[in-house]
Amino acid sequence: MENKIIPSGFGGSIVFKNGTTTMPLNQTIKPINPKMKKKILIICSYDGSLITFRGDFIQDLVKEGYSVYAAAPEMSSKVNEKIKEFGASPLSFQLKRTGLSPFSDIRSMLQLKKIIQKHQIDIVFPYTIKPVIYGSMAANLSRTPVVSLITGLGFTFTGISLKARLLQSIAEFLYKISIQKNKLVIFQNKDDAELFRKRNILSNIQNTSVVNGSGVNLDRYSYRENTNTTGAVKFLFVARLIREKGIHLYIEAAKMLKSKFPMAEFHIIGAPDKSPSSINIKDLTHFHDNGVVIYHGRQNNVSYFLGKSDIFVLPTYYREGVPRSILEALSVGLPIITTDSPGCRETVVGSENGKLISPGSLEELVGAMQFFLENPSAIHQMGISSRELAEKKFDVKIINKEIISSLNLHL
């Protein structure tokens, strides 16, 4: 009999592949007995994500009585100190974040195995591709339970080039041999869960669940009522400045709309990186100097810029979990323009709080942005709907509660 993937929801419970569930979300999680404090190892590939994406989660685990260890490659002193402030123990290990490096990756796996055994870890929680693969292998070799989190599939499952297809085949194989013994595999959108099942990456009896992304702290990204009804609409794009995130489409749309709507503003936050598809900084500077876009570079206080904007735009075709940048924009109360693609379509409900466009469609992107330029009065109500969606579906407290319930179940 074919198992079904049943996403968790607000006020409900997580239903696993084999029919088991977590406790209902309207019940209090039973704290771990302090005399039997359980040790959890969180593994990631980028140290900053432990603060920006998992900071609330780490603190909630500590409150629930876990002894938390957080491991990342090349952990900075700043992140190290912040992890300690959360009440957790920071650890470093070696890992090449990208590319195929068999010997290096095996070394990383053995280092993680040593960490698990040295600290007598009770359960391992890896996220992002390499930590999930090699962290799961290390835990399985140590006979330690694993609950893994798939935070989107990224470029590997997006690209159509020969190289991308080859990498996809390798990634599928490595996922298959590493996670099939995991107690639970958590996905951030149902499309990724269905793809793993369809391609037999998961075993037939494997427990899976779906949560609504990483969640957003509704207090940190507080609602800002928008009263703008003028033609001076401010659009904001926040992401890594690579083609897959839609930066090139966004700039092209700005060029087309600026001549017709000169009062409109097109803001960009983010930075180019080492990806071959990254935008050329000279080109970006040219568009900034010519008044097409307003480029702010990399910013630490994104909430400030969200509060000064009217519309959030992310025309990505990258395989996202659920983009954190969109969740932050929802929480502040911005209408959303994004793509009808995995991880993004969940953030726009009908036309209540924004517009969904086809991935890669410049025409649809221009049309969606022009709608708000011609109908600025729609911004206010759509912004209210965005905040309501964030409160109902993407509150980090709800999502962390779901995940911690799962961890407790599999200890």
Protein backbone atom coordinates (compact mmCIF):
# COMPACT_ATOMS: atom_id res chain seq x y z
CA MET A 1 0.00 0.00 0.00
CA GLU A 2 1.42 3.39 -1.00
CA ASN A 3 2.20 5.69 1.91
CA LYS A 4 1.07 9.29 1.73
CA ILE A 5 2.90 12.43 2.67
CA ILE A 6 0.64 14.48 4.88
CA PRO A 7 1.93 18.00 5.58
CA SER A 8 1.68 19.32 9.09
CA GLY A 9 -0.56 22.32 9.53
CA PHE A 10 -1.55 25.02 11.95
CA GLY A 11 -3.31 23.54 14.93
CA GLY A 12 -2.77 20.00 13.69
CA SER A 13 -0.08 17.40 14.10
CA ILE A 14 2.63 15.84 12.00
CA VAL A 15 1.54 12.60 10.34
CA PHE A 16 4.35 10.26 9.39
CA LYS A 17 4.54 7.83 6.47
CA ASN A 18 3.75 4.86 8.66
CA GLY A 19 0.73 6.54 10.21
CA THR A 20 2.30 7.66 13.48
CA THR A 21 1.98 11.27 14.54
CA THR A 22 3.54 13.81 16.80
CA MET A 23 1.46 15.22 19.62
CA PRO A 24 -1.20 17.77 18.60
CA LEU A 25 0.14 21.30 18.47
CA ASN A 26 -2.38 22.56 21.00
CA GLN A 27 -0.70 20.44 23.66
CA THR A 28 2.36 21.48 25.63
CA ILE A 29 5.57 19.65 24.80
CA LYS A 30 6.58 17.60 27.80
CA PRO A 31 10.02 18.83 28.92
CA ILE A 32 12.87 16.36 29.08
CA ASN A 33 13.70 15.18 32.59
CA PRO A 34 16.73 17.30 33.65
CA LYS A 35 18.27 14.17 35.20
CA MET A 36 18.18 12.51 31.78
CA LYS A 37 19.20 15.47 29.62
CA LYS A 38 19.43 14.39 25.99
CA LYS A 39 22.28 15.54 23.77
CA ILE A 40 21.46 16.77 20.27
CA LEU A 41 24.01 17.60 17.59
CA ILE A 42 22.93 20.16 14.97
CA ILE A 43 25.13 20.06 11.86
CA CYS A 44 25.24 22.70 9.12
CA SER A 45 27.52 23.80 6.27
CA TYR A 46 27.56 27.54 7.03
CA ASP A 47 28.09 28.84 10.54
CA GLY A 48 25.99 31.99 10.10
CA SER A 49 22.88 29.90 9.45
CA LEU A 50 23.00 28.67 13.04
CA ILE A 51 22.14 32.22 14.08
CA THR A 52 19.91 33.48 11.28
CA PHE A 53 17.99 30.27 10.53
CA ARG A 54 18.33 28.13 13.69
CA GLY A 55 18.86 30.64 16.49
CA ASP A 56 15.29 30.44 17.76
CA PHE A 57 15.32 26.65 17.33
CA ILE A 58 18.51 26.24 19.39
CA GLN A 59 17.10 28.41 22.18
CA ASP A 60 13.81 26.48 22.17
CA LEU A 61 15.71 23.18 22.41
CA VAL A 62 17.65 24.49 25.41
CA LYS A 63 14.37 25.56 27.06
CA GLU A 64 12.97 22.07 26.46
CA GLY A 65 15.87 20.54 28.38
CA TYR A 66 18.19 19.45 25.58
CA SER A 67 21.95 19.71 25.81
CA VAL A 68 22.63 21.28 22.41
CA TYR A 69 25.81 20.97 20.36
CA ALA A 70 26.02 23.05 17.17
CA ALA A 71 28.65 22.10 14.57
CA ALA A 72 29.75 24.09 11.53
CA PRO A 73 32.89 24.34 9.38
CA GLU A 74 35.24 27.25 10.05
CA MET A 75 33.04 28.70 12.78
CA SER A 76 33.82 32.35 13.41
CA SER A 77 34.48 33.68 16.90
CA LYS A 78 31.34 35.84 16.60
CA VAL A 79 29.11 32.84 15.87
CA ASN A 80 30.93 30.80 18.52
CA GLU A 81 30.12 33.37 21.20
CA LYS A 82 26.51 33.72 20.05
CA ILE A 83 25.99 29.95 20.25
CA LYS A 84 27.27 30.06 23.83
CA GLU A 85 24.86 32.91 24.60
CA PHE A 86 22.04 30.64 23.40
CA GLY A 87 23.12 28.09 26.02
CA ALA A 88 24.59 25.64 23.49
CA SER A 89 28.07 24.26 22.81
CA PRO A 90 29.76 25.32 19.53
CA LEU A 91 31.89 22.82 17.60
CA SER A 92 33.93 23.07 14.40
CA PHE A 93 34.73 20.50 11.75
CA GLN A 94 36.23 20.59 8.27
CA LEU A 95 33.95 20.63 5.22
CA LYS A 96 34.12 21.86 1.65
CA ARG A 97 30.67 23.38 1.25
CA THR A 98 30.40 22.90 -2.52
CA GLY A 99 31.75 20.63 -5.22
CA LEU A 100 32.70 16.97 -5.37
CA SER A 101 35.61 16.24 -3.04
CA PRO A 102 35.42 12.51 -2.14
CA PHE A 103 38.49 12.36 0.10
CA SER A 104 37.65 15.64 1.81
CA ASP A 105 34.03 14.59 2.31
CA ILE A 106 35.05 11.23 3.79
CA ARG A 107 37.35 13.08 6.17
CA SER A 108 34.42 15.32 7.19
CA MET A 109 32.24 12.29 7.81
CA LEU A 110 34.89 10.67 10.01
CA GLN A 111 35.32 13.91 11.97
CA LEU A 112 31.56 14.04 12.59
CA LYS A 113 31.59 10.39 13.68
CA LYS A 114 34.32 11.23 16.18
CA ILE A 115 32.31 14.21 17.49
CA ILE A 116 29.19 12.06 17.90
CA GLN A 117 31.08 9.40 19.83
CA LYS A 118 33.18 11.80 21.92
CA HIS A 119 30.17 13.77 23.17
CA GLN A 120 27.89 10.71 23.38
CA ILE A 121 25.25 12.37 21.23
CA ASP A 122 21.71 10.96 21.56
CA ILE A 123 20.25 12.34 18.32
CA VAL A 124 21.67 14.09 15.25
CA PHE A 125 19.89 16.90 13.38
CA PRO A 126 21.67 17.81 10.10
CA TYR A 127 20.43 20.26 7.48
CA THR A 128 21.58 21.30 3.97
CA ILE A 129 22.90 18.75 1.49
CA LYS A 130 26.41 17.82 2.66
CA PRO A 131 25.64 17.83 6.41
CA VAL A 132 22.54 15.70 5.75
CA ILE A 133 24.51 13.19 3.68
CA TYR A 134 27.72 12.95 5.69
CA GLY A 135 26.16 13.70 9.07
CA SER A 136 23.67 10.89 8.50
CA MET A 137 26.45 8.50 7.47
CA ALA A 138 28.47 9.41 10.57
CA ALA A 139 25.45 8.94 12.84
CA ASN A 140 24.52 5.61 11.25
CA LEU A 141 28.07 4.33 11.74
CA SER A 142 27.78 5.41 15.38
CA ARG A 143 24.30 3.85 15.68
CA THR A 144 22.87 7.21 16.68
CA PRO A 145 19.32 8.23 15.65
CA VAL A 146 19.01 10.89 12.94
CA VAL A 147 16.22 13.35 12.17
CA SER A 148 17.32 15.22 9.03
CA LEU A 149 15.95 18.43 7.53
CA ILE A 150 15.86 18.98 3.76
CA THR A 151 15.91 22.78 3.34
CA GLY A 152 15.31 22.80 -0.41
CA LEU A 153 17.21 21.14 -3.24
CA GLY A 154 19.07 24.13 -4.67
CA PHE A 155 20.88 24.41 -7.98
CA THR A 156 21.63 20.68 -8.19
CA PHE A 157 17.96 19.90 -8.82
CA THR A 158 17.31 23.04 -10.89
CA GLY A 159 19.98 23.10 -13.58
CA ILE A 160 19.43 21.44 -16.95
CA SER A 161 23.02 21.35 -18.18
CA LEU A 162 24.92 18.08 -18.53
CA LYS A 163 26.98 18.97 -15.47
CA ALA A 164 23.85 19.75 -13.43
CA ARG A 165 22.23 16.45 -14.43
CA LEU A 166 25.39 14.56 -13.49
CA LEU A 167 25.53 16.29 -10.10
CA GLN A 168 21.85 15.51 -9.60
CA SER A 169 22.45 11.80 -10.20
CA ILE A 170 25.35 11.79 -7.75
CA ALA A 171 23.33 13.73 -5.15
CA GLU A 172 20.41 11.31 -5.48
CA PHE A 173 22.72 8.33 -4.96
CA LEU A 174 24.39 9.89 -1.92
CA TYR A 175 21.05 10.86 -0.39
CA LYS A 176 19.76 7.33 -0.97
CA ILE A 177 22.66 5.56 0.75
CA SER A 178 22.79 8.02 3.64
CA ILE A 179 19.25 8.85 4.79
CA GLN A 180 17.28 5.62 4.36
CA LYS A 181 18.08 4.59 7.93
CA ASN A 182 17.15 7.98 9.37
CA LYS A 183 14.32 7.94 11.89
CA LEU A 184 12.61 10.86 10.15
CA VAL A 185 13.25 13.07 7.13
CA ILE A 186 11.63 16.51 7.40
CA PHE A 187 10.96 18.54 4.26
CA GLN A 188 10.10 22.23 3.97
CA ASN A 189 7.69 21.79 1.08
CA LYS A 190 5.62 18.91 -0.26
CA ASP A 191 7.16 19.09 -3.76
CA ASP A 192 10.58 18.06 -2.45
CA ALA A 193 9.05 15.24 -0.41
CA GLU A 194 7.17 13.94 -3.43
CA LEU A 195 10.29 14.14 -5.61
CA PHE A 196 12.32 12.09 -3.10
CA ARG A 197 9.57 9.49 -2.96
CA LYS A 198 9.11 9.38 -6.74
CA ARG A 199 12.83 8.85 -7.35
CA ASN A 200 13.09 6.17 -4.65
CA ILE A 201 15.56 8.19 -2.60
CA LEU A 202 13.53 7.27 0.48
CA SER A 203 12.73 3.75 1.60
CA ASN A 204 9.13 2.56 1.28
CA ILE A 205 8.61 2.59 5.04
CA GLN A 206 10.51 5.79 5.82
CA ASN A 207 8.93 8.37 8.09
CA THR A 208 8.66 11.80 6.49
CA SER A 209 6.93 15.03 7.40
CA VAL A 210 6.53 18.50 5.93
CA VAL A 211 6.91 21.74 7.89
CA ASN A 212 6.34 25.28 6.64
CA GLY A 213 9.94 26.32 6.11
CA SER A 214 12.23 27.50 8.90
CA GLY A 215 9.61 29.92 10.19
CA VAL A 216 9.95 33.58 11.08
CA ASN A 217 10.14 35.36 14.41
CA LEU A 218 7.01 37.52 14.32
CA ASP A 219 8.28 39.78 17.10
CA ARG A 220 11.61 40.48 15.43
CA TYR A 221 9.90 41.22 12.10
CA SER A 222 6.95 43.19 13.42
CA TYR A 223 4.02 44.30 11.30
CA ARG A 224 4.22 47.74 9.71
CA GLU A 225 0.95 49.15 8.36
CA ASN A 226 1.40 50.49 4.84
CA THR A 227 -0.48 53.68 3.95
CA ASN A 228 1.25 54.40 0.63
CA THR A 229 -1.30 55.15 -2.11
CA THR A 230 1.01 57.07 -4.44
CA GLY A 231 2.87 56.10 -7.57
CA ALA A 232 6.16 56.15 -5.66
CA VAL A 233 6.00 52.41 -4.99
CA LYS A 234 9.15 50.87 -3.51
CA PHE A 235 10.02 47.32 -4.62
CA LEU A 236 12.61 45.29 -2.71
CA PHE A 237 14.69 42.27 -3.78
CA VAL A 238 16.72 40.44 -1.09
CA ALA A 239 18.82 37.41 -2.02
CA ARG A 240 22.18 36.16 -3.15
CA LEU A 241 22.78 37.93 -6.44
CA ILE A 242 22.79 34.88 -8.72
CA ARG A 243 20.74 34.27 -11.84
CA GLU A 244 18.77 31.41 -10.26
CA LYS A 245 17.40 33.82 -7.63
CA GLY A 246 15.99 36.06 -10.36
CA ILE A 247 18.25 39.11 -10.01
CA HIS A 248 18.72 39.50 -13.77
CA LEU A 249 14.94 39.36 -14.34
CA TYR A 250 14.37 41.90 -11.58
CA ILE A 251 16.81 44.37 -13.14
CA GLU A 252 15.34 43.88 -16.61
CA ALA A 253 11.86 44.52 -15.22
CA ALA A 254 13.12 47.67 -13.47
CA LYS A 255 14.61 48.94 -16.74
CA MET A 256 11.31 48.41 -18.55
CA LEU A 257 9.13 49.98 -15.84
CA LYS A 258 11.32 52.93 -14.89
CA SER A 259 10.63 54.84 -18.10
CA LYS A 260 6.87 54.57 -17.65
CA PHE A 261 6.83 54.98 -13.85
CA PRO A 262 9.78 57.28 -13.02
CA MET A 263 8.72 57.65 -9.38
CA ALA A 264 8.96 53.90 -8.75
CA GLU A 265 11.99 52.63 -6.83
CA PHE A 266 13.67 49.25 -7.28
CA HIS A 267 15.83 48.33 -4.30
CA ILE A 268 18.34 45.48 -4.07
CA ILE A 269 19.98 43.93 -0.99
CA GLY A 270 22.54 41.17 -1.29
CA ALA A 271 25.97 40.49 -2.70
CA PRO A 272 27.47 38.64 -5.67
CA ASP A 273 29.25 35.39 -4.84
CA LYS A 274 31.62 32.93 -6.51
CA SER A 275 28.87 31.21 -8.50
CA PRO A 276 29.32 31.32 -12.30
CA SER A 277 25.79 32.70 -12.51
CA SER A 278 26.50 35.57 -10.12
CA ILE A 279 25.80 39.08 -11.36
CA ASN A 280 28.80 41.17 -12.38
CA ILE A 281 29.31 43.87 -9.75
CA LYS A 282 30.36 46.35 -12.47
CA ASP A 283 27.04 45.83 -14.25
CA LEU A 284 25.12 46.26 -11.01
CA THR A 285 27.02 49.45 -10.20
CA HIS A 286 26.22 50.75 -13.70
CA PHE A 287 22.47 50.22 -13.18
CA HIS A 288 22.70 51.86 -9.75
CA ASP A 289 24.61 54.89 -11.05
CA ASN A 290 22.08 55.33 -13.86
CA GLY A 291 19.11 55.33 -11.49
CA VAL A 292 17.58 52.05 -12.67
CA VAL A 293 17.98 50.35 -9.29
CA ILE A 294 19.10 51.35 -5.80
CA TYR A 295 21.76 48.92 -4.59
CA HIS A 296 22.37 48.70 -0.84
CA GLY A 297 24.94 45.90 -0.79
CA ARG A 298 24.87 43.31 1.96
CA GLN A 299 22.88 44.46 5.01
CA ASN A 300 22.58 43.06 8.52
CA ASN A 301 19.39 44.96 9.40
CA VAL A 302 17.10 43.75 6.61
CA SER A 303 14.01 44.38 8.76
CA TYR A 304 14.66 48.13 8.52
CA PHE A 305 14.58 48.02 4.72
CA LEU A 306 11.49 45.79 4.70
CA GLY A 307 9.76 48.39 6.86
CA LYS A 308 10.56 51.11 4.29
CA SER A 309 9.36 49.08 1.28
CA ASP A 310 5.98 48.41 -0.30
CA ILE A 311 6.36 45.20 -2.32
CA PHE A 312 8.74 42.25 -1.93
CA VAL A 313 9.95 40.61 -5.14
CA LEU A 314 11.77 37.27 -5.49
CA PRO A 315 11.44 35.82 -9.02
CA THR A 316 13.55 32.78 -8.13
CA TYR A 317 13.69 29.45 -9.91
CA TYR A 318 16.17 27.99 -7.41
CA ARG A 319 14.79 24.89 -5.59
CA GLU A 320 13.97 26.61 -2.31
CA GLY A 321 12.71 25.08 0.93
CA VAL A 322 10.64 28.13 1.76
CA PRO A 323 12.70 31.31 1.24
CA ARG A 324 13.41 32.96 4.57
CA SER A 325 13.47 36.37 2.89
CA ILE A 326 9.84 35.93 1.81
CA LEU A 327 8.80 34.87 5.31
CA GLU A 328 10.37 38.01 6.76
CA ALA A 329 8.54 40.14 4.20
CA LEU A 330 5.24 38.40 5.03
CA SER A 331 5.76 39.08 8.72
CA VAL A 332 6.40 42.79 8.14
CA GLY A 333 3.27 42.96 5.99
CA LEU A 334 4.45 43.26 2.40
CA PRO A 335 2.61 41.90 -0.63
CA ILE A 336 4.73 39.23 -2.36
CA ILE A 337 5.67 38.72 -5.99
CA THR A 338 7.35 35.34 -6.45
CA THR A 339 7.29 32.26 -8.66
CA ASP A 340 4.87 29.37 -8.85
CA SER A 341 7.63 26.94 -7.89
CA PRO A 342 8.46 24.62 -4.96
CA GLY A 343 8.82 26.46 -1.68
CA CYS A 344 7.59 29.77 -3.09
CA ARG A 345 4.02 29.03 -4.13
CA GLU A 346 3.18 28.30 -0.50
CA THR A 347 3.73 31.96 0.40
CA VAL A 348 1.03 33.45 -1.83
CA VAL A 349 -2.62 32.47 -1.40
CA GLY A 350 -4.63 33.12 -4.55
CA SER A 351 -4.35 36.85 -5.14
CA GLU A 352 -4.98 37.72 -1.50
CA ASN A 353 -1.45 38.73 -0.59
CA GLY A 354 0.48 38.95 -3.83
CA LYS A 355 1.12 37.55 -7.29
CA LEU A 356 2.59 34.26 -8.49
CA ILE A 357 4.40 34.25 -11.83
CA SER A 358 5.85 31.51 -14.00
CA PRO A 359 9.55 30.86 -13.30
CA GLY A 360 11.74 32.75 -15.77
CA SER A 361 8.91 34.86 -17.21
CA LEU A 362 9.98 38.49 -17.60
CA GLU A 363 6.61 39.36 -19.11
CA GLU A 364 4.68 38.08 -16.09
CA LEU A 365 7.10 39.73 -13.68
CA VAL A 366 6.65 43.11 -15.37
CA GLY A 367 2.89 42.62 -15.36
CA ALA A 368 2.80 41.77 -11.65
CA MET A 369 4.94 44.76 -10.70
CA GLN A 370 2.94 47.06 -12.97
CA PHE A 371 -0.26 45.95 -11.23
CA PHE A 372 0.93 47.54 -7.98
CA LEU A 373 2.18 50.65 -9.74
CA GLU A 374 -1.26 51.13 -11.28
CA ASN A 375 -3.17 49.99 -8.17
CA PRO A 376 -1.20 51.22 -5.13
CA SER A 377 -4.38 51.16 -3.04
CA ALA A 378 -4.22 47.33 -3.16
CA ILE A 379 -0.95 47.30 -1.23
CA HIS A 380 -2.52 47.96 2.19
CA GLN A 381 -5.00 45.06 2.27
CA MET A 382 -2.60 42.62 0.65
CA GLY A 383 -0.04 43.54 3.30
CA ILE A 384 -2.54 42.74 6.04
CA SER A 385 -3.18 39.36 4.40
CA SER A 386 0.56 38.67 4.26
CA ARG A 387 0.92 39.26 7.99
CA GLU A 388 -2.09 37.05 8.72
CA LEU A 389 -0.54 34.27 6.63
CA ALA A 390 2.74 34.60 8.53
CA GLU A 391 0.92 34.36 11.86
CA LYS A 392 -1.18 31.39 10.82
CA LYS A 393 1.33 29.30 8.90
CA PHE A 394 4.93 30.47 9.32
CA ASP A 395 5.34 31.44 12.99
CA VAL A 396 8.71 30.04 14.09
CA LYS A 397 7.20 29.03 17.43
CA ILE A 398 4.73 26.73 15.68
CA ILE A 399 7.35 25.18 13.43
CA ASN A 400 9.90 24.66 16.20
CA LYS A 401 7.23 23.02 18.32
CA GLU A 402 6.47 20.58 15.50
CA ILE A 403 10.13 19.66 15.03
CA ILE A 404 10.85 19.28 18.75
CA SER A 405 7.82 17.00 19.06
CA SER A 406 9.35 14.86 16.31
CA LEU A 407 12.73 14.77 18.05
CA ASN A 408 11.14 13.72 21.35
CA LEU A 409 9.27 10.95 19.57
CA HIS A 410 12.42 9.45 18.06
CA LEU A 411 14.74 9.57 21.06
